[in-house]
Protein backbone atom coordinates (compact mmCIF):
# COMPACT_ATOMS: atom_id res chain seq x y z
CA MET A 1 0.00 0.00 0.00
CA ALA A 2 2.89 2.36 0.78
CA ASP A 3 4.10 2.09 -2.82
CA LEU A 4 0.84 3.58 -4.09
CA THR A 5 1.58 6.82 -2.26
CA ARG A 6 4.87 7.12 -4.18
CA LEU A 7 3.20 7.17 -7.58
CA THR A 8 2.83 10.47 -9.41
CA ALA A 9 -0.64 11.85 -10.04
CA ALA A 10 -0.27 11.07 -13.75
CA GLN A 11 0.66 7.46 -12.97
CA ILE A 12 -2.25 7.05 -10.55
CA ALA A 13 -4.77 8.40 -13.06
CA GLU A 14 -3.43 6.17 -15.81
CA LYS A 15 -3.54 3.03 -13.65
CA ILE A 16 -7.08 3.77 -12.45
CA ALA A 17 -8.29 4.42 -16.00
CA SER A 18 -6.74 1.16 -17.21
CA GLY A 19 -8.13 -0.88 -14.31
CA ASP A 20 -4.71 -1.74 -12.88
CA LEU A 21 -5.71 0.05 -9.68
CA THR A 22 -8.99 1.09 -8.12
CA ALA A 23 -9.57 4.59 -6.80
CA VAL A 24 -10.60 3.07 -3.48
CA GLU A 25 -7.25 1.26 -3.16
CA VAL A 26 -5.36 4.48 -3.86
CA THR A 27 -7.50 6.52 -1.47
CA GLU A 28 -7.19 3.98 1.32
CA ALA A 29 -3.40 3.94 0.88
CA HIS A 30 -3.22 7.71 1.27
CA LEU A 31 -5.58 7.73 4.24
CA ALA A 32 -3.40 5.08 5.87
CA ARG A 33 -0.35 7.24 5.21
CA ILE A 34 -2.08 10.21 6.85
CA ASP A 35 -2.88 8.03 9.86
CA ALA A 36 0.76 6.95 10.06
CA VAL A 37 2.59 10.25 9.77
CA ASP A 38 0.32 13.27 10.15
CA GLU A 39 0.53 13.30 13.92
CA LYS A 40 4.17 14.33 13.40
CA VAL A 41 3.73 16.50 10.29
CA HIS A 42 0.36 18.15 11.09
CA ALA A 43 -0.35 18.92 7.43
CA PHE A 44 -4.12 18.46 7.79
CA LEU A 45 -6.68 20.37 9.82
CA HIS A 46 -9.52 18.11 8.74
CA VAL A 47 -9.51 14.70 7.02
CA ASP A 48 -12.74 13.95 5.15
CA ARG A 49 -12.41 10.18 5.18
CA GLU A 50 -16.03 9.41 4.29
CA GLY A 51 -16.22 12.00 1.52
CA ALA A 52 -12.94 10.85 -0.01
CA LEU A 53 -13.96 7.19 -0.08
CA ALA A 54 -17.39 8.06 -1.48
CA THR A 55 -15.75 9.92 -4.38
CA ALA A 56 -13.33 7.05 -4.95
CA ARG A 57 -16.18 4.52 -5.08
CA GLU A 58 -18.01 6.68 -7.62
CA VAL A 59 -14.87 6.87 -9.80
CA ASP A 60 -14.60 3.08 -9.77
CA ALA A 61 -18.29 2.76 -10.63
CA LYS A 62 -17.89 5.15 -13.57
CA ARG A 63 -14.97 3.13 -14.91
CA GLU A 64 -16.94 -0.10 -14.58
CA ARG A 65 -19.82 1.50 -16.50
CA GLY A 66 -17.40 2.48 -19.26
CA GLU A 67 -17.83 6.19 -18.70
CA ARG A 68 -15.05 8.54 -19.72
CA LEU A 69 -12.79 9.56 -16.84
CA GLY A 70 -10.99 12.87 -16.54
CA PRO A 71 -7.19 13.18 -16.55
CA LEU A 72 -7.04 13.18 -12.71
CA ALA A 73 -10.00 10.96 -11.83
CA GLY A 74 -9.36 9.14 -8.55
CA VAL A 75 -6.20 11.07 -7.68
CA PRO A 76 -6.03 12.04 -3.96
CA LEU A 77 -5.65 15.76 -3.29
CA ALA A 78 -5.16 17.96 -0.22
CA LEU A 79 -7.11 21.25 -0.30
CA LYS A 80 -5.86 24.36 1.47
CA ASP A 81 -8.34 25.33 4.17
CA LEU A 82 -9.10 28.58 2.37
CA PHE A 83 -11.56 27.20 -0.18
CA THR A 84 -15.16 26.80 0.88
CA THR A 85 -16.26 23.18 0.70
CA ARG A 86 -19.90 22.33 1.21
CA GLY A 87 -20.45 20.29 4.35
CA VAL A 88 -16.76 20.32 5.34
CA PRO A 89 -15.20 22.70 7.91
CA THR A 90 -13.38 25.73 6.48
CA THR A 91 -11.40 27.64 9.10
CA VAL A 92 -8.64 29.51 7.16
CA GLY A 93 -6.42 28.54 10.10
CA SER A 94 -8.33 30.93 12.40
CA LYS A 95 -10.30 30.56 15.61
CA ILE A 96 -12.79 33.11 14.28
CA LEU A 97 -14.13 30.49 11.83
CA GLU A 98 -13.67 27.43 14.02
CA GLY A 99 -16.44 24.95 13.29
CA TRP A 100 -17.89 26.89 10.32
CA ILE A 101 -19.46 24.59 7.73
CA PRO A 102 -19.90 26.37 4.37
CA PRO A 103 -23.21 25.87 2.55
CA TYR A 104 -21.56 26.09 -0.88
CA ASP A 105 -18.44 25.08 -2.84
CA ALA A 106 -15.77 27.42 -4.12
CA THR A 107 -15.38 27.27 -7.90
CA VAL A 108 -12.03 25.47 -7.49
CA THR A 109 -13.67 22.93 -5.17
CA ARG A 110 -16.52 22.42 -7.63
CA LYS A 111 -14.14 21.90 -10.55
CA LEU A 112 -12.14 19.34 -8.58
CA LYS A 113 -15.32 17.43 -7.77
CA GLU A 114 -16.52 17.57 -11.37
CA ALA A 115 -13.15 16.14 -12.44
CA ASP A 116 -13.58 13.27 -9.94
CA VAL A 117 -10.50 14.28 -7.97
CA VAL A 118 -10.57 12.72 -4.49
CA ILE A 119 -10.40 15.51 -1.90
CA LEU A 120 -8.80 13.99 1.21
CA GLY A 121 -9.32 16.98 3.46
CA LYS A 122 -8.27 20.53 4.34
CA THR A 123 -4.68 21.53 5.03
CA ASN A 124 -3.08 23.71 7.68
CA MET A 125 -2.08 27.28 6.88
CA ASP A 126 -1.07 30.60 8.38
CA GLU A 127 -4.22 32.30 9.62
CA PHE A 128 -6.02 34.00 6.72
CA ALA A 129 -2.91 33.20 4.61
CA MET A 130 -0.87 35.79 6.54
CA GLY A 131 2.58 34.35 7.09
CA SER A 132 5.59 32.62 5.61
CA SER A 133 6.00 29.61 7.89
CA THR A 134 2.57 28.17 8.86
CA GLU A 135 3.45 29.10 12.45
CA ASN A 136 0.58 31.61 12.53
CA SER A 137 -2.08 28.90 12.35
CA ALA A 138 -4.43 28.97 15.33
CA TYR A 139 -4.24 25.17 15.33
CA GLY A 140 -0.48 24.65 15.65
CA HIS A 141 2.38 24.72 13.17
CA THR A 142 3.18 22.22 10.42
CA GLY A 143 6.59 20.52 10.25
CA ASN A 144 8.77 20.26 7.16
CA PRO A 145 9.03 16.54 6.27
CA TRP A 146 12.71 17.06 5.37
CA ASP A 147 13.37 18.12 8.97
CA LEU A 148 10.45 18.41 11.36
CA THR A 149 12.28 21.04 13.39
CA ARG A 150 12.11 23.37 10.38
CA VAL A 151 9.19 25.24 8.81
CA PRO A 152 7.55 24.07 5.55
CA GLY A 153 7.02 27.66 4.43
CA GLY A 154 3.78 29.56 4.34
CA SER A 155 1.09 30.40 4.19
CA GLY A 156 0.37 27.09 2.46
CA GLY A 157 2.79 24.92 4.42
CA GLY A 158 0.17 22.26 5.04
CA SER A 159 -0.42 21.70 1.33
CA SER A 160 3.28 21.46 0.47
CA ALA A 161 4.02 19.26 3.47
CA ALA A 162 1.17 16.88 2.59
CA ILE A 163 2.61 16.08 -0.82
CA THR A 164 6.20 15.99 0.47
CA ALA A 165 5.17 13.48 3.14
CA TYR A 166 3.32 11.37 0.51
CA GLU A 167 0.00 11.98 2.27
CA ALA A 168 -1.50 13.27 -1.01
CA ALA A 169 -0.46 13.12 -4.65
CA LEU A 170 -1.57 16.69 -5.31
CA ALA A 171 -2.54 19.80 -3.37
CA ILE A 172 -4.13 23.19 -3.91
CA GLY A 173 -2.61 26.33 -2.45
CA THR A 174 -3.07 30.07 -2.72
CA ASP A 175 -0.44 32.67 -3.49
CA THR A 176 -0.80 36.29 -2.34
CA GLY A 177 2.89 37.13 -1.99
CA GLY A 178 4.47 33.73 -2.55
CA SER A 179 2.38 31.32 -0.46
CA ILE A 180 2.47 28.55 -3.08
CA ARG A 181 6.00 29.06 -4.41
CA GLN A 182 7.80 29.68 -1.12
CA PRO A 183 6.55 26.45 0.55
CA ALA A 184 7.34 24.58 -2.67
CA ALA A 185 10.93 25.81 -2.51
CA LEU A 186 11.36 24.87 1.15
CA THR A 187 9.90 21.37 0.69
CA GLY A 188 11.42 20.40 -2.67
CA THR A 189 8.13 20.37 -4.58
CA VAL A 190 6.55 22.16 -7.56
CA GLY A 191 4.28 25.14 -6.89
CA VAL A 192 2.61 27.40 -9.44
CA LYS A 193 0.99 30.83 -9.15
CA PRO A 194 -1.10 31.11 -12.32
CA THR A 195 -1.70 34.46 -14.00
CA TYR A 196 -3.89 36.61 -11.75
CA GLY A 197 -7.46 35.90 -12.82
CA GLY A 198 -6.52 32.60 -14.45
CA VAL A 199 -8.08 30.56 -11.63
CA SER A 200 -11.36 31.67 -10.07
CA ARG A 201 -11.29 33.27 -6.63
CA TYR A 202 -15.00 32.64 -6.01
CA GLY A 203 -15.35 30.88 -2.66
CA MET A 204 -11.71 31.51 -1.77
CA VAL A 205 -11.72 33.40 1.55
CA ALA A 206 -10.21 36.79 0.72
CA PHE A 207 -7.02 38.19 2.20
CA SER A 208 -5.87 40.71 -0.42
CA SER A 209 -8.25 40.72 -3.38
CA SER A 210 -5.90 42.23 -5.98
CA LEU A 211 -3.15 39.73 -5.14
CA ASP A 212 -4.75 36.42 -4.07
CA GLN A 213 -4.49 33.58 -6.59
CA GLY A 214 -5.16 29.86 -6.21
CA GLY A 215 -2.89 27.34 -7.90
CA PRO A 216 -1.50 23.80 -8.05
CA CYS A 217 1.06 22.07 -5.83
CA ALA A 218 2.64 18.78 -6.95
CA ARG A 219 5.75 16.62 -6.95
CA THR A 220 6.35 16.87 -10.70
CA VAL A 221 5.89 19.54 -13.35
CA LEU A 222 3.49 17.35 -15.36
CA ASP A 223 1.32 16.69 -12.32
CA ALA A 224 1.11 20.44 -11.64
CA ALA A 225 0.13 21.05 -15.27
CA LEU A 226 -2.63 18.44 -15.15
CA LEU A 227 -4.05 20.01 -12.00
CA HIS A 228 -3.68 23.52 -13.44
CA SER A 229 -5.74 22.52 -16.46
CA VAL A 230 -8.53 21.19 -14.21
CA ILE A 231 -8.93 24.27 -11.99
CA ALA A 232 -8.22 27.09 -14.48
CA GLY A 233 -10.66 28.93 -16.74
CA HIS A 234 -13.13 31.78 -16.84
CA ASP A 235 -15.76 32.01 -14.12
CA GLU A 236 -18.71 34.40 -14.30
CA LEU A 237 -18.94 34.33 -10.51
CA ASP A 238 -15.55 36.06 -10.22
CA SER A 239 -15.38 39.60 -11.61
CA THR A 240 -11.57 39.39 -11.82
CA SER A 241 -11.61 36.15 -13.83
CA ILE A 242 -9.96 36.38 -17.27
CA ASP A 243 -12.24 35.49 -20.17
CA GLN A 244 -9.57 33.89 -22.36
CA PRO A 245 -8.64 30.31 -23.25
CA VAL A 246 -6.36 28.58 -20.74
CA PRO A 247 -2.83 28.15 -22.17
CA ASP A 248 -2.03 24.52 -23.04
CA VAL A 249 0.09 23.90 -19.97
CA VAL A 250 -0.08 20.11 -20.25
CA ALA A 251 1.42 20.09 -23.75
CA ALA A 252 4.15 22.46 -22.55
CA ALA A 253 4.96 20.19 -19.61
CA ARG A 254 5.25 17.20 -21.95
CA ASN A 255 7.45 19.21 -24.32
CA GLY A 256 10.21 20.78 -22.22
CA ASP A 257 12.16 22.12 -25.21
CA VAL A 258 13.93 25.38 -24.38
CA ALA A 259 16.18 25.62 -27.43
CA GLY A 260 16.21 29.24 -28.57
CA LEU A 261 14.23 30.43 -25.54
CA ARG A 262 15.47 33.70 -24.04
CA VAL A 263 15.98 33.42 -20.27
CA GLY A 264 16.59 36.51 -18.13
CA VAL A 265 18.44 36.22 -14.81
CA VAL A 266 17.17 38.96 -12.47
CA LYS A 267 20.15 40.99 -11.29
CA GLU A 268 18.39 42.31 -8.18
CA PHE A 269 17.67 38.85 -6.76
CA ARG A 270 21.06 38.14 -5.22
CA GLY A 271 23.25 39.75 -2.56
CA GLU A 272 23.66 39.83 1.20
CA HIS A 273 20.31 38.24 2.10
CA TYR A 274 20.97 35.16 -0.06
CA GLN A 275 22.40 31.89 1.23
CA ALA A 276 25.49 30.80 -0.70
CA GLY A 277 24.22 27.28 -1.29
CA VAL A 278 20.91 28.58 -2.66
CA MET A 279 22.72 30.73 -5.21
CA GLN A 280 25.03 27.85 -6.12
CA ARG A 281 22.12 25.55 -6.99
CA VAL A 282 20.24 28.30 -8.87
CA ASP A 283 23.33 29.20 -10.91
CA GLU A 284 23.80 25.51 -11.77
CA SER A 285 20.21 25.36 -13.04
CA VAL A 286 20.76 28.45 -15.16
CA GLU A 287 23.82 26.78 -16.66
CA LEU A 288 21.71 23.68 -17.40
CA LEU A 289 19.29 25.86 -19.34
CA ARG A 290 22.21 27.31 -21.30
CA GLU A 291 23.41 23.79 -22.11
CA LEU A 292 19.91 22.91 -23.33
CA GLY A 293 20.06 25.68 -25.90
CA ALA A 294 18.46 28.59 -24.08
CA GLU A 295 19.92 32.07 -24.48
CA VAL A 296 20.73 33.41 -21.01
CA VAL A 297 21.13 37.12 -20.28
CA GLU A 298 21.17 39.27 -17.15
CA VAL A 299 18.17 41.55 -16.73
CA SER A 300 17.85 44.50 -14.34
CA CYS A 301 14.50 45.34 -12.71
CA PRO A 302 15.42 48.10 -10.25
CA SER A 303 11.90 48.60 -8.85
CA PHE A 304 11.90 45.03 -7.53
CA THR A 305 13.94 46.25 -4.54
CA LYS A 306 10.89 48.26 -3.43
CA ALA A 307 8.40 45.42 -3.87
CA LEU A 308 8.54 44.15 -0.29
CA ALA A 309 7.71 47.59 1.15
CA ALA A 310 4.91 48.17 -1.37
CA TYR A 311 3.40 44.75 -0.71
CA TYR A 312 3.29 45.27 3.05
CA LEU A 313 1.18 48.37 2.54
CA ILE A 314 -1.12 47.12 -0.22
CA ALA A 315 -1.84 43.67 1.23
CA PRO A 316 -2.60 44.89 4.79
CA ALA A 317 -4.78 47.68 3.42
CA GLU A 318 -6.86 45.19 1.45
CA CYS A 319 -6.98 42.73 4.35
CA SER A 320 -8.22 45.52 6.62
CA SER A 321 -11.17 45.92 4.28
CA ASN A 322 -11.80 42.22 3.66
CA LEU A 323 -11.66 41.15 7.30
CA ALA A 324 -14.18 43.78 8.35
CA ARG A 325 -16.86 41.19 7.50
CA PHE A 326 -15.84 39.15 10.57
CA ASP A 327 -17.99 41.17 12.97
CA ALA A 328 -19.59 38.37 15.07
CA MET A 329 -22.99 39.26 13.62
CA ARG A 330 -23.30 36.99 10.58
CA TYR A 331 -21.17 33.86 10.99
CA GLY A 332 -18.23 32.45 12.87
CA LEU A 333 -17.17 33.05 16.46
CA ARG A 334 -19.22 35.29 18.77
CA VAL A 335 -17.87 36.38 22.16
CA GLY A 336 -19.57 38.50 24.85
CA ASP A 337 -23.14 38.14 23.58
CA ASP A 338 -24.58 37.81 27.08
CA GLY A 339 -26.95 40.76 27.07
CA THR A 340 -24.55 43.09 28.87
CA HIS A 341 -22.51 44.22 25.85
CA SER A 342 -23.36 46.41 22.88
CA ALA A 343 -22.99 45.17 19.31
CA GLU A 344 -19.75 47.13 18.99
CA GLU A 345 -18.39 45.56 22.19
CA VAL A 346 -19.32 42.05 20.99
CA THR A 347 -17.50 42.73 17.70
CA ALA A 348 -14.40 43.96 19.54
CA LEU A 349 -14.37 41.05 22.00
CA THR A 350 -14.85 38.54 19.18
CA ARG A 351 -12.02 39.95 17.11
CA GLU A 352 -9.75 40.05 20.14
CA ALA A 353 -10.41 36.37 20.83
CA GLY A 354 -10.68 35.18 17.23
CA PHE A 355 -7.78 36.85 15.42
CA GLY A 356 -4.13 35.99 16.01
CA ASP A 357 -1.27 38.43 16.45
CA GLU A 358 -0.19 38.55 12.79
CA VAL A 359 -3.73 39.17 11.56
CA LYS A 360 -4.19 41.96 14.11
CA ARG A 361 -0.83 43.45 13.09
CA ARG A 362 -1.78 43.59 9.43
CA VAL A 363 -5.31 44.85 10.01
CA MET A 364 -3.99 47.71 12.14
CA LEU A 365 -1.25 48.54 9.64
CA GLY A 366 -3.70 48.46 6.76
CA THR A 367 -6.31 50.55 8.54
CA TYR A 368 -3.66 53.15 9.34
CA ALA A 369 -2.43 53.20 5.72
CA LEU A 370 -5.98 53.83 4.50
CA SER A 371 -6.86 56.44 7.09
CA SER A 372 -7.57 60.08 6.31
CA GLY A 373 -4.38 62.05 5.86
CA TYR A 374 -2.19 59.00 5.29
CA TYR A 375 -3.82 57.35 2.25
CA ASP A 376 -1.74 59.19 -0.36
CA ALA A 377 1.48 58.99 1.63
CA TYR A 378 1.30 55.23 2.17
CA TYR A 379 -1.28 53.28 0.16
CA GLY A 380 -1.18 55.67 -2.80
CA SER A 381 2.61 55.63 -2.91
CA ALA A 382 2.67 51.84 -2.73
CA GLN A 383 0.34 51.64 -5.73
CA LYS A 384 2.71 53.90 -7.67
CA VAL A 385 5.58 51.52 -6.88
CA ARG A 386 3.36 48.68 -8.08
CA THR A 387 3.05 50.45 -11.42
CA LEU A 388 6.83 50.83 -11.64
CA ILE A 389 7.26 47.10 -10.96
CA SER A 390 4.80 46.25 -13.74
CA ARG A 391 6.74 48.49 -16.11
CA ASP A 392 10.00 46.78 -15.17
CA PHE A 393 8.40 43.45 -16.06
CA GLU A 394 7.16 44.84 -19.37
CA ARG A 395 10.63 46.07 -20.30
CA ALA A 396 12.19 42.78 -19.22
CA PHE A 397 9.77 40.71 -21.29
CA GLU A 398 10.63 42.77 -24.36
CA GLN A 399 14.13 41.29 -24.03
CA VAL A 400 13.41 37.76 -22.76
CA ASP A 401 10.69 35.11 -22.74
CA VAL A 402 10.96 34.20 -19.04
CA LEU A 403 12.78 35.42 -15.95
CA VAL A 404 14.50 33.17 -13.42
CA SER A 405 15.72 33.68 -9.86
CA PRO A 406 15.92 31.93 -6.51
CA THR A 407 12.43 31.34 -5.12
CA THR A 408 13.59 32.12 -1.60
CA PRO A 409 16.81 33.69 -0.28
CA THR A 410 17.41 30.78 2.14
CA THR A 411 16.44 27.18 2.75
CA ALA A 412 13.88 26.22 5.42
CA PHE A 413 14.61 27.96 8.72
CA PRO A 414 14.06 26.46 12.20
CA VAL A 415 10.61 26.62 13.79
CA GLY A 416 10.47 29.66 16.07
CA GLU A 417 13.60 31.32 14.71
CA ARG A 418 11.73 34.25 13.11
CA ALA A 419 8.48 34.13 15.08
CA ASP A 420 9.32 37.28 17.06
CA ASP A 421 10.93 39.13 14.16
CA PRO A 422 8.28 40.03 11.54
CA MET A 423 10.78 41.76 9.25
CA ALA A 424 13.02 38.68 9.09
CA MET A 425 9.93 36.59 8.33
CA TYR A 426 8.80 38.95 5.58
CA LEU A 427 12.18 38.63 3.83
CA ALA A 428 11.26 35.02 2.97
CA ASP A 429 9.01 36.48 0.25
CA LEU A 430 11.62 38.83 -1.18
CA CYS A 431 11.74 37.14 -4.61
CA THR A 432 8.13 36.07 -4.97
CA ILE A 433 6.23 39.30 -4.28
CA PRO A 434 6.93 41.18 -7.56
CA ALA A 435 5.02 38.62 -9.64
CA ASN A 436 1.95 39.04 -7.43
CA LEU A 437 2.06 42.83 -7.66
CA ALA A 438 2.19 42.64 -11.46
CA GLY A 439 -0.20 39.69 -11.85
CA ASN A 440 2.29 37.58 -13.82
CA ALA A 441 2.51 33.79 -13.84
CA ALA A 442 5.26 32.21 -11.73
CA MET A 443 6.48 28.78 -10.68
CA SER A 444 8.93 27.26 -8.23
CA ILE A 445 10.63 23.97 -9.04
CA PRO A 446 13.23 22.06 -6.99
CA CYS A 447 16.80 22.52 -8.20
CA GLY A 448 18.87 20.55 -5.72
CA LEU A 449 19.93 20.62 -2.09
CA ALA A 450 21.98 23.37 -0.48
CA PRO A 451 25.42 22.02 0.48
CA GLU A 452 25.39 23.78 3.87
CA ASP A 453 22.36 21.99 5.28
CA GLY A 454 21.13 19.40 2.75
CA LEU A 455 17.76 21.14 2.42
CA PRO A 456 15.85 21.84 -0.82
CA VAL A 457 16.40 24.90 -3.00
CA GLY A 458 13.78 26.34 -5.34
CA LEU A 459 14.28 27.90 -8.78
CA GLN A 460 11.65 30.53 -9.61
CA ILE A 461 10.44 30.97 -13.19
CA ILE A 462 8.32 34.01 -14.10
CA ALA A 463 6.36 34.46 -17.34
CA PRO A 464 4.13 37.25 -18.69
CA ALA A 465 0.41 37.22 -17.94
CA MET A 466 -1.41 34.44 -19.81
CA ALA A 467 1.88 32.84 -20.83
CA ASP A 468 1.63 30.19 -18.11
CA ASP A 469 2.65 27.51 -20.61
CA ARG A 470 6.19 28.96 -20.68
CA LEU A 471 6.55 28.12 -16.99
CA TYR A 472 5.85 24.47 -17.67
CA ARG A 473 8.11 24.36 -20.71
CA VAL A 474 11.08 25.67 -18.73
CA GLY A 475 10.16 23.77 -15.58
CA ALA A 476 9.96 20.46 -17.45
CA ALA A 477 13.35 21.11 -19.06
CA VAL A 478 15.06 21.82 -15.74
CA GLU A 479 13.34 18.89 -14.04
CA ALA A 480 14.41 16.45 -16.78
CA ALA A 481 17.98 17.82 -16.84
CA HIS A 482 18.31 17.41 -13.07
CA GLN A 483 17.02 13.85 -13.22
CA ALA A 484 19.30 12.97 -16.12
CA ARG A 485 22.35 14.40 -14.39
CA TRP A 486 21.79 13.00 -10.92
CA GLY A 487 19.82 9.89 -11.81
CA HIS A 488 16.76 10.32 -9.59
CA PRO A 489 14.05 12.82 -8.69
CA LEU A 490 15.05 15.20 -5.91
CA LEU A 491 12.16 14.29 -3.70
CA GLU A 492 13.25 10.68 -3.30
CA GLU A 493 16.04 11.95 -1.07
CA ALA A 494 13.57 13.30 1.52
CA PRO A 495 13.99 11.60 4.89
CA SER A 496 11.45 8.88 5.60
CA LEU A 497 8.84 9.62 8.20
């Protein structure tokens, strides 16, 4: 049974479609794996055992009836606890939504169900997706399966840890400033932030509406592409959804030819904050691309150095607005409603009890940035920097087809090391934030282990909006080159739980 959890999503789907495996067998194997290791990893907040097995049985029944199965039918998936799922708890890692059972499915959830993907349960995350380590979850932190004393990244550390620990073949994350790509880098997996608007945000609990984007997490580039193709596409329920055809990411992932492709190395993404071993592995990957026929040039994007500051004004400002809905009057936690407190006092008591420190920090910062007399100085200025960053991307993509950089400046850091230093924590997203501010597509793929600590390093690939297929083309090339050179997939080196 353990061997079934080592199969890729593509292999699982193929074996179920051919009748070599049943979806129930595969689901039971992954549920058994969760039972065996998740007490140590804590990737899941809720395991929907009955729902998963019911979906698996229906997949097997469809195959027996000769019905056509989708490309991921029967594949077990872990869903970040940010997507509403009818009848299943959705907490966004916060006490303020503890026990809330949504009456409807997010569009991503619905598409997964329609594709007969087996949703195993909901994964742990930084509260309201605010964090870079999954330590801000109200329900305890998640461990990195490579070293349980280290963080798996955030905010989607539960999703990345679940696939690293072989508890799920696939996962869904969300990326506001790097929350898919950064955990992917720290856990040696593949994580993709699609073009903003490429995947519907309907039913995805909002943090920062102009930045949030759902996307796939996987162990291989092809698996990520297959999942991307299932969840992407226009949605009339989301006013920010792009009404254009989804790029053929699956064909790009099966291709992996980068001959003649122009690759830009971002000059600004190196320096004092970057671990030597991270840069070594990234530079080796760039050289691999050169050997595969890509044209490699250095590209300067000077406004990227201001991205971190701009992000931490824009995102808190938007979260201040979005989280105003948690007022104890409509749903979720309610504290102090004993007849002795006013509605305003109940709201204040509920927020005090229900929100964690990082959420409170960002709400206060965002409210201040939006307040009368400070709007232009802070929020307005940050939006101007955002425009400059978009222009830097535009100029860069006139010269090259994709940009590459480290995904994160360092490998996974110890649990607790940055918990009391928000600025040090925020630096984990130094390389990922610009793509969110501009709305471009971006991916992180594993590119080896840092020699200092033997932990995974991520290579970030950035493509223009609606050119998501370029990510998969480059990612597949690097993945294949690494496997050819070292003889095995990176993830097989992960310590056994």
